[in-house]
PDB file of all heavy atoms in Angstrom:
ATOM      1  N   ASP A   1       1.925   5.249 -12.251  1.00  0.00           N
ATOM      2  CA  ASP A   1       0.638   5.578 -11.621  1.00  0.00           C
ATOM      3  C   ASP A   1       0.689   6.953 -10.967  1.00  0.00           C
ATOM      4  O   ASP A   1      -0.267   7.737 -11.041  1.00  0.00           O
ATOM      5  CB  ASP A   1       0.273   4.523 -10.582  1.00  0.00           C
ATOM      6  CG  ASP A   1       0.045   3.157 -11.201  1.00  0.00           C
ATOM      7  OD1 ASP A   1      -0.620   3.084 -12.242  1.00  0.00           O
ATOM      8  OD2 ASP A   1       0.553   2.160 -10.647  1.00  0.00           O
ATOM      9  N   ALA A   2       1.839   7.254 -10.325  1.00  0.00           N
ATOM     10  CA  ALA A   2       2.003   8.570  -9.704  1.00  0.00           C
ATOM     11  C   ALA A   2       2.001   9.663 -10.770  1.00  0.00           C
ATOM     12  O   ALA A   2       1.381  10.725 -10.591  1.00  0.00           O
ATOM     13  CB  ALA A   2       3.299   8.604  -8.899  1.00  0.00           C
ATOM     14  N   SER A   3       2.664   9.402 -11.903  1.00  0.00           N
ATOM     15  CA  SER A   3       2.704  10.384 -12.994  1.00  0.00           C
ATOM     16  C   SER A   3       1.303  10.638 -13.546  1.00  0.00           C
ATOM     17  O   SER A   3       0.942  11.776 -13.874  1.00  0.00           O
ATOM     18  CB  SER A   3       3.621   9.886 -14.115  1.00  0.00           C
ATOM     19  OG  SER A   3       4.945   9.741 -13.654  1.00  0.00           O
ATOM     20  N   GLN A   4       0.514   9.580 -13.628  1.00  0.00           N
ATOM     21  CA  GLN A   4      -0.849   9.720 -14.138  1.00  0.00           C
ATOM     22  C   GLN A   4      -1.686  10.614 -13.224  1.00  0.00           C
ATOM     23  O   GLN A   4      -2.456  11.473 -13.690  1.00  0.00           O
ATOM     24  CB  GLN A   4      -1.493   8.342 -14.276  1.00  0.00           C
ATOM     25  CG  GLN A   4      -2.887   8.359 -14.888  1.00  0.00           C
ATOM     26  CD  GLN A   4      -3.474   6.963 -15.010  1.00  0.00           C
ATOM     27  OE1 GLN A   4      -3.200   6.090 -14.190  1.00  0.00           O
ATOM     28  NE2 GLN A   4      -4.281   6.738 -16.041  1.00  0.00           N
ATOM     29  N   LEU A   5      -1.543  10.423 -11.904  1.00  0.00           N
ATOM     30  CA  LEU A   5      -2.289  11.250 -10.952  1.00  0.00           C
ATOM     31  C   LEU A   5      -1.844  12.709 -11.036  1.00  0.00           C
ATOM     32  O   LEU A   5      -2.674  13.629 -11.020  1.00  0.00           O
ATOM     33  CB  LEU A   5      -2.098  10.720  -9.532  1.00  0.00           C
ATOM     34  CG  LEU A   5      -2.765  11.535  -8.426  1.00  0.00           C
ATOM     35  CD1 LEU A   5      -4.283  11.549  -8.612  1.00  0.00           C
ATOM     36  CD2 LEU A   5      -2.421  10.990  -7.049  1.00  0.00           C
ATOM     37  N   ILE A   6      -0.525  12.912 -11.144  1.00  0.00           N
ATOM     38  CA  ILE A   6      -0.010  14.287 -11.248  1.00  0.00           C
ATOM     39  C   ILE A   6      -0.553  14.961 -12.506  1.00  0.00           C
ATOM     40  O   ILE A   6      -0.969  16.121 -12.483  1.00  0.00           O
ATOM     41  CB  ILE A   6       1.528  14.282 -11.243  1.00  0.00           C
ATOM     42  CG1 ILE A   6       2.044  13.863  -9.856  1.00  0.00           C
ATOM     43  CG2 ILE A   6       2.080  15.654 -11.618  1.00  0.00           C
ATOM     44  CD1 ILE A   6       3.536  13.661  -9.787  1.00  0.00           C
ATOM     45  N   PHE A   7      -0.585  14.214 -13.612  1.00  0.00           N
ATOM     46  CA  PHE A   7      -1.124  14.776 -14.858  1.00  0.00           C
ATOM     47  C   PHE A   7      -2.598  15.161 -14.682  1.00  0.00           C
ATOM     48  O   PHE A   7      -3.032  16.234 -15.102  1.00  0.00           O
ATOM     49  CB  PHE A   7      -0.988  13.773 -16.000  1.00  0.00           C
ATOM     50  CG  PHE A   7      -1.582  14.240 -17.295  1.00  0.00           C
ATOM     51  CD1 PHE A   7      -0.883  15.114 -18.123  1.00  0.00           C
ATOM     52  CD2 PHE A   7      -2.858  13.835 -17.682  1.00  0.00           C
ATOM     53  CE1 PHE A   7      -1.435  15.573 -19.311  1.00  0.00           C
ATOM     54  CE2 PHE A   7      -3.422  14.288 -18.863  1.00  0.00           C
ATOM     55  CZ  PHE A   7      -2.703  15.163 -19.683  1.00  0.00           C
ATOM     56  N   ALA A   8      -3.357  14.275 -14.031  1.00  0.00           N
ATOM     57  CA  ALA A   8      -4.777  14.561 -13.809  1.00  0.00           C
ATOM     58  C   ALA A   8      -4.966  15.805 -12.946  1.00  0.00           C
ATOM     59  O   ALA A   8      -5.903  16.585 -13.135  1.00  0.00           O
ATOM     60  CB  ALA A   8      -5.450  13.356 -13.161  1.00  0.00           C
ATOM     61  N   CYS A   9      -4.044  16.012 -11.994  1.00  0.00           N
ATOM     62  CA  CYS A   9      -4.138  17.180 -11.111  1.00  0.00           C
ATOM     63  C   CYS A   9      -3.735  18.474 -11.818  1.00  0.00           C
ATOM     64  O   CYS A   9      -4.220  19.562 -11.465  1.00  0.00           O
ATOM     65  CB  CYS A   9      -3.254  16.983  -9.883  1.00  0.00           C
ATOM     66  SG  CYS A   9      -3.813  15.693  -8.754  1.00  0.00           S
ATOM     67  N   LEU A  10      -2.865  18.381 -12.809  1.00  0.00           N
ATOM     68  CA  LEU A  10      -2.301  19.581 -13.430  1.00  0.00           C
ATOM     69  C   LEU A  10      -2.869  19.913 -14.801  1.00  0.00           C
ATOM     70  O   LEU A  10      -2.588  20.975 -15.351  1.00  0.00           O
ATOM     71  CB  LEU A  10      -0.779  19.427 -13.548  1.00  0.00           C
ATOM     72  CG  LEU A  10       0.005  19.267 -12.244  1.00  0.00           C
ATOM     73  CD1 LEU A  10       1.475  19.029 -12.534  1.00  0.00           C
ATOM     74  CD2 LEU A  10      -0.163  20.495 -11.365  1.00  0.00           C
ATOM     75  N   ALA A  11      -3.651  18.997 -15.381  1.00  0.00           N
ATOM     76  CA  ALA A  11      -4.069  19.170 -16.776  1.00  0.00           C
ATOM     77  C   ALA A  11      -5.123  20.257 -16.970  1.00  0.00           C
ATOM     78  O   ALA A  11      -5.242  20.831 -18.051  1.00  0.00           O
ATOM     79  CB  ALA A  11      -4.596  17.834 -17.322  1.00  0.00           C
ATOM     80  N   HIS A  12      -5.884  20.554 -15.945  1.00  0.00           N
ATOM     81  CA  HIS A  12      -6.973  21.528 -16.067  1.00  0.00           C
ATOM     82  C   HIS A  12      -6.420  22.958 -16.087  1.00  0.00           C
ATOM     83  O   HIS A  12      -5.433  23.248 -15.408  1.00  0.00           O
ATOM     84  CB  HIS A  12      -7.949  21.366 -14.896  1.00  0.00           C
ATOM     85  CG  HIS A  12      -9.252  22.043 -15.102  1.00  0.00           C
ATOM     86  ND1 HIS A  12      -9.457  23.368 -14.764  1.00  0.00           N
ATOM     87  CD2 HIS A  12     -10.423  21.595 -15.627  1.00  0.00           C
ATOM     88  CE1 HIS A  12     -10.702  23.703 -15.056  1.00  0.00           C
ATOM     89  NE2 HIS A  12     -11.314  22.643 -15.579  1.00  0.00           N
ATOM     90  N   PRO A  13      -7.015  23.854 -16.848  1.00  0.00           N
ATOM     91  CA  PRO A  13      -6.527  25.248 -16.891  1.00  0.00           C
ATOM     92  C   PRO A  13      -6.466  25.920 -15.518  1.00  0.00           C
ATOM     93  O   PRO A  13      -5.649  26.806 -15.291  1.00  0.00           O
ATOM     94  CB  PRO A  13      -7.562  25.954 -17.794  1.00  0.00           C
ATOM     95  CG  PRO A  13      -8.108  24.863 -18.658  1.00  0.00           C
ATOM     96  CD  PRO A  13      -8.120  23.631 -17.803  1.00  0.00           C
ATOM     97  N   MET A  14      -7.344  25.495 -14.608  1.00  0.00           N
ATOM     98  CA  MET A  14      -7.362  26.105 -13.278  1.00  0.00           C
ATOM     99  C   MET A  14      -6.551  25.304 -12.259  1.00  0.00           C
ATOM    100  O   MET A  14      -6.665  25.523 -11.053  1.00  0.00           O
ATOM    101  CB  MET A  14      -8.807  26.229 -12.795  1.00  0.00           C
ATOM    102  CG  MET A  14      -9.682  27.118 -13.660  1.00  0.00           C
ATOM    103  SD  MET A  14      -9.041  28.808 -13.755  1.00  0.00           S
ATOM    104  CE  MET A  14      -9.276  29.332 -12.052  1.00  0.00           C
ATOM    105  N   SER A  15      -5.730  24.392 -12.732  1.00  0.00           N
ATOM    106  CA  SER A  15      -4.933  23.561 -11.820  1.00  0.00           C
ATOM    107  C   SER A  15      -3.804  24.365 -11.194  1.00  0.00           C
ATOM    108  O   SER A  15      -3.540  25.521 -11.566  1.00  0.00           O
ATOM    109  CB  SER A  15      -4.343  22.372 -12.585  1.00  0.00           C
ATOM    110  OG  SER A  15      -5.349  21.530 -13.077  1.00  0.00           O
ATOM    111  N   ALA A  16      -3.128  23.751 -10.248  1.00  0.00           N
ATOM    112  CA  ALA A  16      -1.994  24.386  -9.576  1.00  0.00           C
ATOM    113  C   ALA A  16      -0.924  24.779 -10.592  1.00  0.00           C
ATOM    114  O   ALA A  16      -0.722  24.112 -11.601  1.00  0.00           O
ATOM    115  CB  ALA A  16      -1.415  23.431  -8.540  1.00  0.00           C
ATOM    116  N   GLN A  17      -0.237  25.866 -10.300  1.00  0.00           N
ATOM    117  CA  GLN A  17       0.786  26.378 -11.207  1.00  0.00           C
ATOM    118  C   GLN A  17       2.200  26.011 -10.772  1.00  0.00           C
ATOM    119  O   GLN A  17       3.138  26.189 -11.536  1.00  0.00           O
ATOM    120  CB  GLN A  17       0.671  27.904 -11.291  1.00  0.00           C
ATOM    121  CG  GLN A  17      -0.674  28.382 -11.829  1.00  0.00           C
ATOM    122  CD  GLN A  17      -0.928  27.898 -13.237  1.00  0.00           C
ATOM    123  OE1 GLN A  17      -0.108  28.101 -14.129  1.00  0.00           O
ATOM    124  NE2 GLN A  17      -2.058  27.240 -13.457  1.00  0.00           N
ATOM    125  N   TRP A  18       2.340  25.510  -9.566  1.00  0.00           N
ATOM    126  CA  TRP A  18       3.675  25.207  -9.038  1.00  0.00           C
ATOM    127  C   TRP A  18       3.686  23.809  -8.420  1.00  0.00           C
ATOM    128  O   TRP A  18       2.703  23.350  -7.870  1.00  0.00           O
ATOM    129  CB  TRP A  18       4.078  26.219  -7.951  1.00  0.00           C
ATOM    130  CG  TRP A  18       4.218  27.612  -8.469  1.00  0.00           C
ATOM    131  CD1 TRP A  18       3.238  28.551  -8.629  1.00  0.00           C
ATOM    132  CD2 TRP A  18       5.428  28.226  -8.899  1.00  0.00           C
ATOM    133  NE1 TRP A  18       3.743  29.706  -9.139  1.00  0.00           N
ATOM    134  CE2 TRP A  18       5.106  29.548  -9.306  1.00  0.00           C
ATOM    135  CE3 TRP A  18       6.762  27.812  -8.964  1.00  0.00           C
ATOM    136  CZ2 TRP A  18       6.058  30.449  -9.777  1.00  0.00           C
ATOM    137  CZ3 TRP A  18       7.706  28.713  -9.437  1.00  0.00           C
ATOM    138  CH2 TRP A  18       7.362  30.006  -9.845  1.00  0.00           C
ATOM    139  N   ILE A  19       4.832  23.166  -8.525  1.00  0.00           N
ATOM    140  CA  ILE A  19       5.070  21.908  -7.805  1.00  0.00           C
ATOM    141  C   ILE A  19       6.278  22.116  -6.898  1.00  0.00           C
ATOM    142  O   ILE A  19       7.366  22.477  -7.376  1.00  0.00           O
ATOM    143  CB  ILE A  19       5.368  20.739  -8.773  1.00  0.00           C
ATOM    144  CG1 ILE A  19       4.170  20.491  -9.682  1.00  0.00           C
ATOM    145  CG2 ILE A  19       5.714  19.469  -7.993  1.00  0.00           C
ATOM    146  CD1 ILE A  19       4.407  19.412 -10.711  1.00  0.00           C
ATOM    147  N   LEU A  20       6.090  21.939  -5.623  1.00  0.00           N
ATOM    148  CA  LEU A  20       7.178  22.067  -4.662  1.00  0.00           C
ATOM    149  C   LEU A  20       7.583  20.679  -4.174  1.00  0.00           C
ATOM    150  O   LEU A  20       6.741  19.906  -3.737  1.00  0.00           O
ATOM    151  CB  LEU A  20       6.751  22.924  -3.465  1.00  0.00           C
ATOM    152  CG  LEU A  20       6.242  24.345  -3.767  1.00  0.00           C
ATOM    153  CD1 LEU A  20       5.922  25.071  -2.479  1.00  0.00           C
ATOM    154  CD2 LEU A  20       7.279  25.119  -4.575  1.00  0.00           C
ATOM    155  N   GLU A  21       8.859  20.376  -4.270  1.00  0.00           N
ATOM    156  CA  GLU A  21       9.370  19.102  -3.756  1.00  0.00           C
ATOM    157  C   GLU A  21      10.104  19.357  -2.450  1.00  0.00           C
ATOM    158  O   GLU A  21      10.937  20.262  -2.363  1.00  0.00           O
ATOM    159  CB  GLU A  21      10.331  18.451  -4.759  1.00  0.00           C
ATOM    160  CG  GLU A  21      10.894  17.135  -4.240  1.00  0.00           C
ATOM    161  CD  GLU A  21      11.928  16.530  -5.166  1.00  0.00           C
ATOM    162  OE1 GLU A  21      12.203  17.135  -6.217  1.00  0.00           O
ATOM    163  OE2 GLU A  21      12.475  15.471  -4.824  1.00  0.00           O
ATOM    164  N   SER A  22       9.789  18.574  -1.440  1.00  0.00           N
ATOM    165  CA  SER A  22      10.486  18.717  -0.154  1.00  0.00           C
ATOM    166  C   SER A  22      10.956  17.355   0.325  1.00  0.00           C
ATOM    167  O   SER A  22      10.464  16.319  -0.130  1.00  0.00           O
ATOM    168  CB  SER A  22       9.568  19.359   0.895  1.00  0.00           C
ATOM    169  OG  SER A  22       8.484  18.504   1.189  1.00  0.00           O
ATOM    170  N   ASP A  23      11.909  17.357   1.213  1.00  0.00           N
ATOM    171  CA  ASP A  23      12.472  16.115   1.736  1.00  0.00           C
ATOM    172  C   ASP A  23      12.693  16.292   3.230  1.00  0.00           C
ATOM    173  O   ASP A  23      12.916  17.409   3.708  1.00  0.00           O
ATOM    174  CB  ASP A  23      13.798  15.812   1.027  1.00  0.00           C
ATOM    175  CG  ASP A  23      14.238  14.367   1.215  1.00  0.00           C
ATOM    176  OD1 ASP A  23      13.488  13.605   1.865  1.00  0.00           O
ATOM    177  OD2 ASP A  23      15.312  14.002   0.726  1.00  0.00           O
ATOM    178  N   ILE A  24      12.614  15.183   3.959  1.00  0.00           N
ATOM    179  CA  ILE A  24      12.886  15.212   5.401  1.00  0.00           C
ATOM    180  C   ILE A  24      14.366  14.936   5.604  1.00  0.00           C
ATOM    181  O   ILE A  24      14.854  13.834   5.328  1.00  0.00           O
ATOM    182  CB  ILE A  24      12.036  14.177   6.145  1.00  0.00           C
ATOM    183  CG1 ILE A  24      10.554  14.452   5.900  1.00  0.00           C
ATOM    184  CG2 ILE A  24      12.342  14.209   7.644  1.00  0.00           C
ATOM    185  CD1 ILE A  24       9.636  13.381   6.461  1.00  0.00           C
ATOM    186  N   HIS A  25      15.103  15.914   6.061  1.00  0.00           N
ATOM    187  CA  HIS A  25      16.559  15.800   6.174  1.00  0.00           C
ATOM    188  C   HIS A  25      16.943  14.771   7.239  1.00  0.00           C
ATOM    189  O   HIS A  25      16.493  14.837   8.385  1.00  0.00           O
ATOM    190  CB  HIS A  25      17.170  17.160   6.525  1.00  0.00           C
ATOM    191  CG  HIS A  25      18.664  17.118   6.674  1.00  0.00           C
ATOM    192  ND1 HIS A  25      19.518  16.913   5.618  1.00  0.00           N
ATOM    193  CD2 HIS A  25      19.442  17.241   7.783  1.00  0.00           C
ATOM    194  CE1 HIS A  25      20.760  16.917   6.049  1.00  0.00           C
ATOM    195  NE2 HIS A  25      20.745  17.114   7.366  1.00  0.00           N
ATOM    196  N   GLY A  26      17.762  13.806   6.849  1.00  0.00           N
ATOM    197  CA  GLY A  26      18.262  12.812   7.803  1.00  0.00           C
ATOM    198  C   GLY A  26      17.172  11.971   8.433  1.00  0.00           C
ATOM    199  O   GLY A  26      17.308  11.542   9.584  1.00  0.00           O
ATOM    200  N   CYS A  27      16.094  11.708   7.700  1.00  0.00           N
ATOM    201  CA  CYS A  27      14.956  10.979   8.274  1.00  0.00           C
ATOM    202  C   CYS A  27      15.372   9.608   8.790  1.00  0.00           C
ATOM    203  O   CYS A  27      15.077   9.244   9.935  1.00  0.00           O
ATOM    204  CB  CYS A  27      13.859  10.852   7.229  1.00  0.00           C
ATOM    205  SG  CYS A  27      12.455   9.871   7.756  1.00  0.00           S
ATOM    206  N   PHE A  28      16.053   8.830   7.968  1.00  0.00           N
ATOM    207  CA  PHE A  28      16.442   7.481   8.367  1.00  0.00           C
ATOM    208  C   PHE A  28      17.384   7.507   9.566  1.00  0.00           C
ATOM    209  O   PHE A  28      17.343   6.625  10.427  1.00  0.00           O
ATOM    210  CB  PHE A  28      17.135   6.764   7.205  1.00  0.00           C
ATOM    211  CG  PHE A  28      16.189   6.137   6.223  1.00  0.00           C
ATOM    212  CD1 PHE A  28      15.789   6.820   5.091  1.00  0.00           C
ATOM    213  CD2 PHE A  28      15.701   4.860   6.419  1.00  0.00           C
ATOM    214  CE1 PHE A  28      14.923   6.243   4.180  1.00  0.00           C
ATOM    215  CE2 PHE A  28      14.831   4.268   5.515  1.00  0.00           C
ATOM    216  CZ  PHE A  28      14.446   4.965   4.391  1.00  0.00           C
ATOM    217  N   ASP A  29      18.253   8.525   9.617  1.00  0.00           N
ATOM    218  CA  ASP A  29      19.305   8.551  10.643  1.00  0.00           C
ATOM    219  C   ASP A  29      18.814   9.006  12.009  1.00  0.00           C
ATOM    220  O   ASP A  29      19.436   8.685  13.022  1.00  0.00           O
ATOM    221  CB  ASP A  29      20.452   9.471  10.199  1.00  0.00           C
ATOM    222  CG  ASP A  29      21.104   8.994   8.912  1.00  0.00           C
ATOM    223  OD1 ASP A  29      21.123   7.763   8.682  1.00  0.00           O
ATOM    224  OD2 ASP A  29      21.577   9.839   8.127  1.00  0.00           O
ATOM    225  N   ASN A  30      17.716   9.753  12.053  1.00  0.00           N
ATOM    226  CA  ASN A  30      17.337  10.413  13.300  1.00  0.00           C
ATOM    227  C   ASN A  30      15.974  10.038  13.856  1.00  0.00           C
ATOM    228  O   ASN A  30      15.594  10.521  14.915  1.00  0.00           O
ATOM    229  CB  ASN A  30      17.377  11.942  13.092  1.00  0.00           C
ATOM    230  CG  ASN A  30      18.759  12.414  12.685  1.00  0.00           C
ATOM    231  OD1 ASN A  30      19.724  12.227  13.417  1.00  0.00           O
ATOM    232  ND2 ASN A  30      18.859  13.013  11.502  1.00  0.00           N
ATOM    233  N   ILE A  31      15.234   9.199  13.163  1.00  0.00           N
ATOM    234  CA  ILE A  31      13.889   8.874  13.622  1.00  0.00           C
ATOM    235  C   ILE A  31      13.924   8.189  14.989  1.00  0.00           C
ATOM    236  O   ILE A  31      14.813   7.380  15.282  1.00  0.00           O
ATOM    237  CB  ILE A  31      13.170   7.991  12.584  1.00  0.00           C
ATOM    238  CG1 ILE A  31      11.686   7.870  12.905  1.00  0.00           C
ATOM    239  CG2 ILE A  31      13.818   6.637  12.449  1.00  0.00           C
ATOM    240  CD1 ILE A  31      10.883   7.250  11.777  1.00  0.00           C
ATOM    241  N   SER A  32      12.978   8.534  15.851  1.00  0.00           N
ATOM    242  CA  SER A  32      12.943   8.035  17.225  1.00  0.00           C
ATOM    243  C   SER A  32      12.492   6.579  17.287  1.00  0.00           C
ATOM    244  O   SER A  32      11.457   6.213  16.727  1.00  0.00           O
ATOM    245  CB  SER A  32      11.989   8.899  18.057  1.00  0.00           C
ATOM    246  OG  SER A  32      11.659   8.266  19.276  1.00  0.00           O
ATOM    247  N   HIS A  33      13.241   5.756  17.992  1.00  0.00           N
ATOM    248  CA  HIS A  33      12.869   4.349  18.173  1.00  0.00           C
ATOM    249  C   HIS A  33      11.592   4.227  19.005  1.00  0.00           C
ATOM    250  O   HIS A  33      10.733   3.394  18.712  1.00  0.00           O
ATOM    251  CB  HIS A  33      14.005   3.585  18.860  1.00  0.00           C
ATOM    252  CG  HIS A  33      15.176   3.352  17.962  1.00  0.00           C
ATOM    253  ND1 HIS A  33      16.310   2.672  18.375  1.00  0.00           N
ATOM    254  CD2 HIS A  33      15.398   3.682  16.661  1.00  0.00           C
ATOM    255  CE1 HIS A  33      17.167   2.602  17.375  1.00  0.00           C
ATOM    256  NE2 HIS A  33      16.641   3.219  16.330  1.00  0.00           N
TER     257      HIS A  33
END
């Protein structure tokens, strides 16, 4: 389902040209209780 949405977002000639992937470093280890 996620792949389908990404395809729909990128399939148009005027769609975004870049995909940036980011991650939250140490999220599980440091999140505030």
